[in-house]
Amino acid sequence: AVVSTQSTGDDMLRLDAENPKGSPDNPYLALPTFPELVRFILDVHEPKRLNKHWIPIAQRTDICQNDLDIVMKLENEQNELPYLLERLNLSRFTDDLMSVKRNPSGGKIVAETEVEEHLKLLSKNEQKQLNKLYQIDYDMFGYEPVYV
């Protein structure tokens, strides 16, 4: 059961005393499963109320209000970061920045099979709703909706 969603959807953590899956920082807070997170996202009827991590990029007002010169994809960071640094006249920092670990996965790219395994946990209707929610983002960034 979701115990804290706040009105803005900033938190999507649940307390599960019978089956705690807490973090080392707080063993009483459990992370949602992938289907729970997707259902939470889909249940927020106004996507702009979602946490900034889940809101479709196309619905973030700051994207349209800025004149962007470069849009980078994290999965292409190894190729795109040096270009960005060169454009900013900061290429002298390329080696230092490229050696910094940016996330706990060590830059691991999620395999397509992992994505499919997670999507199999969703109903066909949930997959359809999720793809509909992010369709403009897919179009803007050259992604294809995924169905399993």
N, C-alpha and C. Protein backbone atom coordinates (compact mmCIF):
# COMPACT_ATOMS: atom_id res chain seq x y z
N ALA A 1 0.85 -1.19 0.00
CA ALA A 1 0.00 0.00 0.00
C ALA A 1 0.89 1.24 0.00
N VAL A 2 0.54 2.20 -0.81
CA VAL A 2 1.29 3.46 -0.85
C VAL A 2 0.90 4.27 0.37
N VAL A 3 1.89 4.72 1.13
CA VAL A 3 1.60 5.50 2.33
C VAL A 3 1.99 6.95 2.18
N SER A 4 2.79 7.28 1.21
CA SER A 4 3.20 8.67 1.05
C SER A 4 3.40 8.96 -0.43
N THR A 5 2.52 9.77 -0.99
CA THR A 5 2.72 10.17 -2.37
C THR A 5 2.85 11.68 -2.47
N GLN A 6 2.54 12.40 -1.43
CA GLN A 6 2.51 13.85 -1.41
C GLN A 6 1.71 14.35 -2.61
N SER A 7 1.25 15.55 -2.55
CA SER A 7 0.40 16.06 -3.62
C SER A 7 1.15 16.25 -4.93
N THR A 8 2.46 16.38 -4.88
CA THR A 8 3.21 16.57 -6.11
C THR A 8 3.78 15.27 -6.66
N GLY A 9 3.61 14.19 -5.94
CA GLY A 9 4.16 12.92 -6.39
C GLY A 9 5.66 12.83 -6.22
N ASP A 10 6.25 13.66 -5.34
CA ASP A 10 7.70 13.66 -5.16
C ASP A 10 8.20 12.36 -4.55
N ASP A 11 7.41 11.75 -3.71
CA ASP A 11 7.84 10.51 -3.07
C ASP A 11 6.93 9.39 -3.54
N MET A 12 7.50 8.29 -3.88
CA MET A 12 6.70 7.11 -4.18
C MET A 12 7.37 5.97 -3.46
N LEU A 13 7.27 6.02 -2.15
CA LEU A 13 7.86 4.99 -1.30
C LEU A 13 6.73 4.36 -0.50
N ARG A 14 6.90 3.12 -0.17
CA ARG A 14 5.86 2.48 0.61
C ARG A 14 6.46 1.79 1.82
N LEU A 15 5.65 1.65 2.82
CA LEU A 15 6.04 0.97 4.05
C LEU A 15 5.41 -0.41 4.02
N ASP A 16 6.19 -1.42 4.14
CA ASP A 16 5.69 -2.79 4.08
C ASP A 16 6.31 -3.56 5.23
N ALA A 17 5.63 -3.59 6.36
CA ALA A 17 6.18 -4.20 7.56
C ALA A 17 6.36 -5.70 7.42
N GLU A 18 5.52 -6.36 6.61
CA GLU A 18 5.62 -7.80 6.47
C GLU A 18 6.77 -8.22 5.55
N ASN A 19 7.12 -7.39 4.62
CA ASN A 19 8.17 -7.73 3.65
C ASN A 19 9.04 -6.50 3.41
N PRO A 20 9.82 -6.06 4.42
CA PRO A 20 10.60 -4.84 4.23
C PRO A 20 11.68 -5.01 3.17
N LYS A 21 11.74 -4.05 2.28
CA LYS A 21 12.78 -4.02 1.25
C LYS A 21 13.52 -2.69 1.38
N GLY A 22 13.74 -2.25 2.60
CA GLY A 22 14.27 -0.93 2.84
C GLY A 22 15.69 -0.73 2.36
N SER A 23 16.08 0.51 2.33
CA SER A 23 17.43 0.87 1.93
C SER A 23 18.34 0.86 3.15
N PRO A 24 19.67 0.84 2.96
CA PRO A 24 20.59 0.90 4.10
C PRO A 24 20.40 2.18 4.92
N ASP A 25 19.98 3.26 4.25
CA ASP A 25 19.79 4.53 4.95
C ASP A 25 18.55 4.51 5.84
N ASN A 26 17.52 3.82 5.39
CA ASN A 26 16.29 3.76 6.15
C ASN A 26 15.60 2.44 5.87
N PRO A 27 15.77 1.45 6.73
CA PRO A 27 15.21 0.12 6.48
C PRO A 27 13.69 0.08 6.51
N TYR A 28 13.04 1.16 6.95
CA TYR A 28 11.58 1.17 7.03
C TYR A 28 10.93 1.67 5.75
N LEU A 29 11.69 2.30 4.89
CA LEU A 29 11.14 2.75 3.62
C LEU A 29 11.47 1.73 2.56
N ALA A 30 10.47 1.27 1.87
CA ALA A 30 10.67 0.27 0.83
C ALA A 30 10.47 0.93 -0.53
N LEU A 31 11.27 0.51 -1.48
CA LEU A 31 11.14 1.04 -2.83
C LEU A 31 10.01 0.32 -3.55
N PRO A 32 9.31 1.03 -4.42
CA PRO A 32 8.22 0.38 -5.15
C PRO A 32 8.78 -0.59 -6.19
N THR A 33 7.98 -1.57 -6.52
CA THR A 33 8.34 -2.45 -7.62
C THR A 33 8.14 -1.66 -8.92
N PHE A 34 8.66 -2.18 -10.03
CA PHE A 34 8.47 -1.50 -11.31
C PHE A 34 6.99 -1.33 -11.65
N PRO A 35 6.16 -2.37 -11.53
CA PRO A 35 4.73 -2.17 -11.82
C PRO A 35 4.08 -1.14 -10.89
N GLU A 36 4.47 -1.11 -9.62
CA GLU A 36 3.91 -0.12 -8.70
C GLU A 36 4.29 1.29 -9.13
N LEU A 37 5.54 1.48 -9.53
CA LEU A 37 5.99 2.80 -9.98
C LEU A 37 5.22 3.22 -11.23
N VAL A 38 5.07 2.31 -12.18
CA VAL A 38 4.35 2.64 -13.41
C VAL A 38 2.90 2.98 -13.10
N ARG A 39 2.27 2.20 -12.24
CA ARG A 39 0.87 2.49 -11.89
C ARG A 39 0.76 3.84 -11.19
N PHE A 40 1.72 4.16 -10.35
CA PHE A 40 1.73 5.46 -9.70
C PHE A 40 1.83 6.58 -10.74
N ILE A 41 2.74 6.44 -11.68
CA ILE A 41 2.92 7.44 -12.73
C ILE A 41 1.64 7.59 -13.55
N LEU A 42 1.03 6.47 -13.91
CA LEU A 42 -0.18 6.51 -14.72
C LEU A 42 -1.38 7.04 -13.95
N ASP A 43 -1.37 6.88 -12.63
CA ASP A 43 -2.49 7.36 -11.82
C ASP A 43 -2.46 8.87 -11.59
N VAL A 44 -1.33 9.49 -11.83
CA VAL A 44 -1.25 10.95 -11.70
C VAL A 44 -1.85 11.52 -12.98
N HIS A 45 -3.03 12.07 -12.87
CA HIS A 45 -3.78 12.48 -14.06
C HIS A 45 -3.25 13.76 -14.70
N GLU A 46 -2.45 14.49 -13.99
CA GLU A 46 -1.81 15.67 -14.56
C GLU A 46 -0.31 15.42 -14.55
N PRO A 47 0.27 15.00 -15.69
CA PRO A 47 1.69 14.66 -15.71
C PRO A 47 2.61 15.74 -15.16
N LYS A 48 2.21 17.01 -15.25
CA LYS A 48 3.06 18.08 -14.73
C LYS A 48 3.21 17.99 -13.22
N ARG A 49 2.35 17.23 -12.56
CA ARG A 49 2.44 17.06 -11.11
C ARG A 49 3.43 15.96 -10.73
N LEU A 50 3.94 15.24 -11.71
CA LEU A 50 4.89 14.17 -11.43
C LEU A 50 6.24 14.73 -10.96
N ASN A 51 6.95 13.90 -10.25
CA ASN A 51 8.33 14.19 -9.89
C ASN A 51 9.11 14.48 -11.17
N LYS A 52 10.08 15.37 -11.11
CA LYS A 52 10.82 15.77 -12.30
C LYS A 52 11.50 14.61 -13.01
N HIS A 53 11.72 13.50 -12.33
CA HIS A 53 12.35 12.34 -12.96
C HIS A 53 11.39 11.59 -13.87
N TRP A 54 10.09 11.73 -13.64
CA TRP A 54 9.10 10.95 -14.39
C TRP A 54 8.28 11.77 -15.36
N ILE A 55 8.27 13.09 -15.22
CA ILE A 55 7.47 13.93 -16.10
C ILE A 55 8.00 13.84 -17.53
N PRO A 56 7.11 13.71 -18.51
CA PRO A 56 7.60 13.70 -19.89
C PRO A 56 8.37 14.99 -20.19
N ILE A 57 9.49 14.87 -20.87
CA ILE A 57 10.32 16.03 -21.19
C ILE A 57 9.52 17.06 -21.97
N ALA A 58 8.66 16.60 -22.87
CA ALA A 58 7.87 17.51 -23.70
C ALA A 58 6.93 18.37 -22.86
N GLN A 59 6.61 17.95 -21.65
CA GLN A 59 5.69 18.71 -20.80
C GLN A 59 6.40 19.61 -19.79
N ARG A 60 7.71 19.57 -19.81
CA ARG A 60 8.45 20.47 -18.92
C ARG A 60 8.53 21.83 -19.60
N THR A 61 7.97 22.82 -18.97
CA THR A 61 7.91 24.13 -19.61
C THR A 61 9.28 24.73 -19.87
N ASP A 62 10.27 24.39 -19.06
CA ASP A 62 11.58 25.00 -19.24
C ASP A 62 12.25 24.54 -20.53
N ILE A 63 11.88 23.39 -21.05
CA ILE A 63 12.46 22.90 -22.30
C ILE A 63 12.08 23.82 -23.46
N CYS A 64 10.82 24.19 -23.52
CA CYS A 64 10.35 25.02 -24.62
C CYS A 64 10.72 26.50 -24.46
N GLN A 65 11.02 26.92 -23.26
CA GLN A 65 11.33 28.32 -23.01
C GLN A 65 12.81 28.64 -23.21
N ASN A 66 13.60 27.63 -23.45
CA ASN A 66 15.03 27.84 -23.63
C ASN A 66 15.43 27.56 -25.07
N ASP A 67 16.40 28.29 -25.54
CA ASP A 67 16.95 28.08 -26.88
C ASP A 67 18.13 27.12 -26.73
N LEU A 68 17.86 25.83 -26.89
CA LEU A 68 18.88 24.82 -26.66
C LEU A 68 19.75 24.64 -27.90
N ASP A 69 21.05 24.57 -27.68
CA ASP A 69 21.99 24.31 -28.77
C ASP A 69 22.34 22.83 -28.86
N ILE A 70 22.33 22.15 -27.72
CA ILE A 70 22.74 20.76 -27.66
C ILE A 70 21.78 19.99 -26.76
N VAL A 71 21.35 18.84 -27.22
CA VAL A 71 20.58 17.91 -26.40
C VAL A 71 21.37 16.61 -26.41
N MET A 72 21.75 16.17 -25.23
CA MET A 72 22.57 14.95 -25.11
C MET A 72 21.73 13.80 -24.57
N LYS A 73 22.01 12.61 -25.02
CA LYS A 73 21.41 11.41 -24.48
C LYS A 73 22.43 10.77 -23.55
N LEU A 74 22.00 10.37 -22.37
CA LEU A 74 22.94 9.77 -21.43
C LEU A 74 23.57 8.50 -21.97
N GLU A 75 22.83 7.76 -22.78
CA GLU A 75 23.42 6.53 -23.31
C GLU A 75 24.52 6.81 -24.32
N ASN A 76 24.64 8.05 -24.78
CA ASN A 76 25.70 8.45 -25.71
C ASN A 76 26.72 9.38 -25.05
N GLU A 77 26.69 9.45 -23.73
CA GLU A 77 27.53 10.40 -23.00
C GLU A 77 29.02 10.28 -23.35
N GLN A 78 29.50 9.07 -23.49
CA GLN A 78 30.92 8.88 -23.77
C GLN A 78 31.33 9.57 -25.07
N ASN A 79 30.43 9.64 -26.03
CA ASN A 79 30.72 10.30 -27.30
C ASN A 79 30.36 11.78 -27.29
N GLU A 80 29.31 12.12 -26.55
CA GLU A 80 28.78 13.48 -26.62
C GLU A 80 29.43 14.45 -25.63
N LEU A 81 29.88 13.96 -24.49
CA LEU A 81 30.49 14.85 -23.50
C LEU A 81 31.73 15.56 -24.04
N PRO A 82 32.64 14.87 -24.72
CA PRO A 82 33.80 15.59 -25.28
C PRO A 82 33.38 16.70 -26.25
N TYR A 83 32.35 16.45 -27.05
CA TYR A 83 31.85 17.48 -27.97
C TYR A 83 31.32 18.68 -27.20
N LEU A 84 30.55 18.43 -26.15
CA LEU A 84 30.01 19.51 -25.33
C LEU A 84 31.14 20.33 -24.71
N LEU A 85 32.12 19.66 -24.15
CA LEU A 85 33.24 20.37 -23.54
C LEU A 85 34.01 21.20 -24.57
N GLU A 86 34.16 20.66 -25.76
CA GLU A 86 34.82 21.42 -26.82
C GLU A 86 34.00 22.67 -27.18
N ARG A 87 32.69 22.51 -27.31
CA ARG A 87 31.82 23.66 -27.61
C ARG A 87 31.88 24.73 -26.53
N LEU A 88 32.09 24.31 -25.29
CA LEU A 88 32.18 25.24 -24.16
C LEU A 88 33.60 25.75 -23.93
N ASN A 89 34.50 25.35 -24.81
CA ASN A 89 35.91 25.70 -24.69
C ASN A 89 36.50 25.19 -23.37
N LEU A 90 36.09 23.97 -23.01
CA LEU A 90 36.55 23.35 -21.77
C LEU A 90 37.17 21.98 -22.03
N SER A 91 37.65 21.77 -23.22
CA SER A 91 38.16 20.44 -23.58
C SER A 91 39.35 20.03 -22.71
N ARG A 92 40.00 20.96 -22.05
CA ARG A 92 41.13 20.61 -21.17
C ARG A 92 40.66 19.75 -19.99
N PHE A 93 39.34 19.73 -19.72
CA PHE A 93 38.80 18.94 -18.60
C PHE A 93 38.23 17.59 -19.05
N THR A 94 38.34 17.29 -20.31
CA THR A 94 37.73 16.06 -20.84
C THR A 94 38.21 14.82 -20.11
N ASP A 95 39.50 14.64 -19.98
CA ASP A 95 40.02 13.42 -19.35
C ASP A 95 39.53 13.29 -17.90
N ASP A 96 39.56 14.41 -17.16
CA ASP A 96 39.11 14.37 -15.77
C ASP A 96 37.63 14.01 -15.68
N LEU A 97 36.81 14.64 -16.49
CA LEU A 97 35.38 14.39 -16.42
C LEU A 97 35.00 13.00 -16.93
N MET A 98 35.70 12.51 -17.91
CA MET A 98 35.39 11.19 -18.44
C MET A 98 35.76 10.09 -17.46
N SER A 99 36.64 10.37 -16.51
CA SER A 99 37.05 9.34 -15.55
C SER A 99 36.17 9.32 -14.29
N VAL A 100 35.25 10.30 -14.16
CA VAL A 100 34.38 10.38 -12.99
C VAL A 100 33.23 9.40 -13.16
N LYS A 101 32.98 8.60 -12.12
CA LYS A 101 31.82 7.71 -12.13
C LYS A 101 30.59 8.55 -11.86
N ARG A 102 29.59 8.42 -12.71
CA ARG A 102 28.42 9.28 -12.59
C ARG A 102 27.22 8.63 -11.93
N ASN A 103 27.19 7.33 -11.90
CA ASN A 103 26.07 6.67 -11.24
C ASN A 103 26.51 5.32 -10.69
N PRO A 104 25.72 4.75 -9.78
CA PRO A 104 26.12 3.51 -9.15
C PRO A 104 26.26 2.34 -10.11
N SER A 105 25.62 2.41 -11.27
CA SER A 105 25.71 1.29 -12.21
C SER A 105 27.01 1.33 -13.00
N GLY A 106 27.81 2.35 -12.80
CA GLY A 106 29.07 2.46 -13.52
C GLY A 106 28.89 2.73 -14.99
N GLY A 107 27.77 3.37 -15.34
CA GLY A 107 27.52 3.68 -16.74
C GLY A 107 26.95 2.52 -17.53
N LYS A 108 26.51 1.48 -16.82
CA LYS A 108 25.97 0.30 -17.47
C LYS A 108 24.74 0.67 -18.28
N ILE A 109 24.71 0.23 -19.51
CA ILE A 109 23.54 0.41 -20.35
C ILE A 109 22.60 -0.76 -20.10
N VAL A 110 21.35 -0.45 -19.88
CA VAL A 110 20.37 -1.50 -19.62
C VAL A 110 20.14 -2.28 -20.90
N ALA A 111 20.27 -3.57 -20.81
CA ALA A 111 20.07 -4.43 -21.97
C ALA A 111 18.60 -4.45 -22.37
N GLU A 112 18.37 -4.59 -23.66
CA GLU A 112 17.00 -4.63 -24.17
C GLU A 112 16.21 -5.75 -23.50
N THR A 113 16.87 -6.85 -23.20
CA THR A 113 16.17 -7.96 -22.55
C THR A 113 15.71 -7.58 -21.14
N GLU A 114 16.49 -6.75 -20.44
CA GLU A 114 16.07 -6.28 -19.11
C GLU A 114 14.83 -5.41 -19.21
N VAL A 115 14.79 -4.55 -20.22
CA VAL A 115 13.63 -3.69 -20.43
C VAL A 115 12.41 -4.57 -20.70
N GLU A 116 12.58 -5.56 -21.57
CA GLU A 116 11.47 -6.46 -21.90
C GLU A 116 10.98 -7.22 -20.67
N GLU A 117 11.91 -7.67 -19.82
CA GLU A 117 11.52 -8.40 -18.61
C GLU A 117 10.68 -7.52 -17.69
N HIS A 118 11.06 -6.26 -17.57
CA HIS A 118 10.28 -5.34 -16.74
C HIS A 118 8.91 -5.07 -17.37
N LEU A 119 8.88 -4.87 -18.68
CA LEU A 119 7.62 -4.57 -19.34
C LEU A 119 6.65 -5.74 -19.30
N LYS A 120 7.17 -6.96 -19.23
CA LYS A 120 6.30 -8.13 -19.13
C LYS A 120 5.50 -8.13 -17.83
N LEU A 121 5.97 -7.38 -16.84
CA LEU A 121 5.26 -7.29 -15.56
C LEU A 121 4.04 -6.37 -15.64
N LEU A 122 3.91 -5.65 -16.76
CA LEU A 122 2.81 -4.71 -16.94
C LEU A 122 1.74 -5.34 -17.84
N SER A 123 0.51 -4.92 -17.65
CA SER A 123 -0.55 -5.36 -18.55
C SER A 123 -0.37 -4.67 -19.90
N LYS A 124 -1.02 -5.19 -20.91
CA LYS A 124 -0.96 -4.56 -22.25
C LYS A 124 -1.52 -3.14 -22.18
N ASN A 125 -2.55 -2.94 -21.39
CA ASN A 125 -3.13 -1.61 -21.25
C ASN A 125 -2.15 -0.64 -20.58
N GLU A 126 -1.45 -1.11 -19.55
CA GLU A 126 -0.45 -0.26 -18.89
C GLU A 126 0.69 0.10 -19.85
N GLN A 127 1.12 -0.87 -20.65
CA GLN A 127 2.16 -0.59 -21.64
C GLN A 127 1.68 0.47 -22.62
N LYS A 128 0.45 0.32 -23.07
CA LYS A 128 -0.13 1.28 -24.03
C LYS A 128 -0.22 2.67 -23.40
N GLN A 129 -0.69 2.76 -22.17
CA GLN A 129 -0.79 4.05 -21.48
C GLN A 129 0.57 4.70 -21.27
N LEU A 130 1.55 3.88 -20.89
CA LEU A 130 2.90 4.38 -20.66
C LEU A 130 3.51 4.92 -21.95
N ASN A 131 3.35 4.17 -23.03
CA ASN A 131 3.86 4.64 -24.32
C ASN A 131 3.14 5.90 -24.78
N LYS A 132 1.85 5.98 -24.53
CA LYS A 132 1.09 7.18 -24.91
C LYS A 132 1.59 8.40 -24.12
N LEU A 133 1.83 8.22 -22.82
CA LEU A 133 2.31 9.32 -21.98
C LEU A 133 3.63 9.89 -22.50
N TYR A 134 4.53 9.01 -22.95
CA TYR A 134 5.87 9.44 -23.37
C TYR A 134 6.05 9.50 -24.89
N GLN A 135 4.96 9.39 -25.68
CA GLN A 135 5.06 9.34 -27.13
C GLN A 135 5.78 10.55 -27.73
N ILE A 136 5.49 11.74 -27.26
CA ILE A 136 6.15 12.93 -27.82
C ILE A 136 7.65 12.90 -27.51
N ASP A 137 8.01 12.43 -26.31
CA ASP A 137 9.43 12.28 -25.97
C ASP A 137 10.10 11.28 -26.92
N TYR A 138 9.42 10.16 -27.16
CA TYR A 138 9.97 9.16 -28.09
C TYR A 138 10.24 9.79 -29.45
N ASP A 139 9.27 10.55 -29.93
CA ASP A 139 9.41 11.20 -31.24
C ASP A 139 10.55 12.21 -31.23
N MET A 140 10.63 13.02 -30.17
CA MET A 140 11.66 14.06 -30.10
C MET A 140 13.07 13.47 -30.07
N PHE A 141 13.24 12.35 -29.39
CA PHE A 141 14.58 11.81 -29.17
C PHE A 141 14.88 10.54 -29.97
N GLY A 142 13.97 10.18 -30.87
CA GLY A 142 14.24 9.06 -31.76
C GLY A 142 14.13 7.68 -31.14
N TYR A 143 13.22 7.52 -30.17
CA TYR A 143 12.99 6.21 -29.55
C TYR A 143 11.71 5.59 -30.11
N GLU A 144 11.64 4.28 -30.03
CA GLU A 144 10.45 3.55 -30.44
C GLU A 144 9.71 3.06 -29.20
N PRO A 145 8.38 3.15 -29.19
CA PRO A 145 7.65 2.55 -28.08
C PRO A 145 7.93 1.05 -28.03
N VAL A 146 7.91 0.52 -26.82
CA VAL A 146 8.22 -0.90 -26.64
C VAL A 146 6.99 -1.61 -26.11
N TYR A 147 6.64 -2.70 -26.77
CA TYR A 147 5.55 -3.56 -26.31
C TYR A 147 6.08 -4.98 -26.24
N VAL A 148 5.63 -5.74 -25.23
CA VAL A 148 6.02 -7.14 -25.15
C VAL A 148 4.78 -8.00 -24.97
